[in-house]
Amino acid sequence: MRIKNNFENFKIPELKEDEPFLPDESVMIAAKLLRQFDKYEIEENSRNKKGETIDGLPCNRGSVLMFVPGLNDIGRVESYLKEEVNQLK
């Protein structure tokens, strides 16, 4: 399943407690936040000149914990993030 990457007329989707589902827009927001965290770490690493890098990314990196409603959504997030990483190569 390909997640649509369309930010036109973007708004945060409404979540329903009785229907656990992660909308495509939420996946895109999470991916965008992760990219910003990476960008911040790279800039901080460059500014402080601390640690080694591999392919321009700091070896000693922070972590992000994401709570995702179910296995299907976990798989969708994983696939989307893998696509994002492959596009960066």
Foldseek 3Di string as FASTA:
>chain_A
DDQDDDCVVDDDDDDDPVDQDQHSSNLVVVLVVVVVQQVVQLVVCVVVVDADDDPSGHPDGDDDDDDGDDDVVVVVSVVVNVVVVVVVD
